[in-house]
């Protein structure tokens, strides 16, 4: 990914369809990826994914699938059929579910199958939240365990905090994709995510694709914010 814009994914989080389409059209030429999440998908369904994909951007469909394997397999096939270039599932669903997601992605695609990522530990969860859930491990330990499982079953990569990226890279190798949310430039507020980092620090830690939302979409000039963040890549 020599062109730094291909390392930037803008999160189009919301349920205002007109805003999503207009923002996608404005930012698509300047970034490598656009992310559509659960809020937008539950409001407008697969048709929105198809429409945004038709604008020329690669779509990261962030639905975090987590169900029994047969259900996830069919849902993964549906994700692939929208034209999304990447989607994710929860690593906590276990080996059989992750394998079913991979198979469904292949079955549902009409061309190249989308990349399938495993979500490790949500960046909104800190140690206290993980303890309350009863996992018995630190967030760092869970991320590495679940990343190793994702690699073992043939998934393309993981979604994880940049803080765990070096450990994931050591464990899973140079070709394993690391997509990192919780990115906040130094000039931005943290918001509701706990484990956050700057763009330059995330790249240095080994992240491949950085997901940025409000620092771009909430800016007075989103295109200028994109350029500023790309400059921050170092």
Foldseek 3Di string as FASTA:
>chain_A
DVPLQLQEEEEPDDQDLVLSQVVLLVCQVRHQEYEYEDHNCVNPNLVSLLSSVVSPHAYEYEYQAADPQVVLLQVLLVVQQSVHQEYEHALVNDLSNLLSSVNSQVVNHPPDRHAYAHEFDDQLDAQVNVVVVPPPDGSLVRRQVSQLSNVVSPGQAYEDALVNLLVSCVNRHLRRAYEYEQEDAPVGDRPNGDRHDHLCSSVVSPHRHYYDYCQQSVDPHNSVSSVVSSVVVD
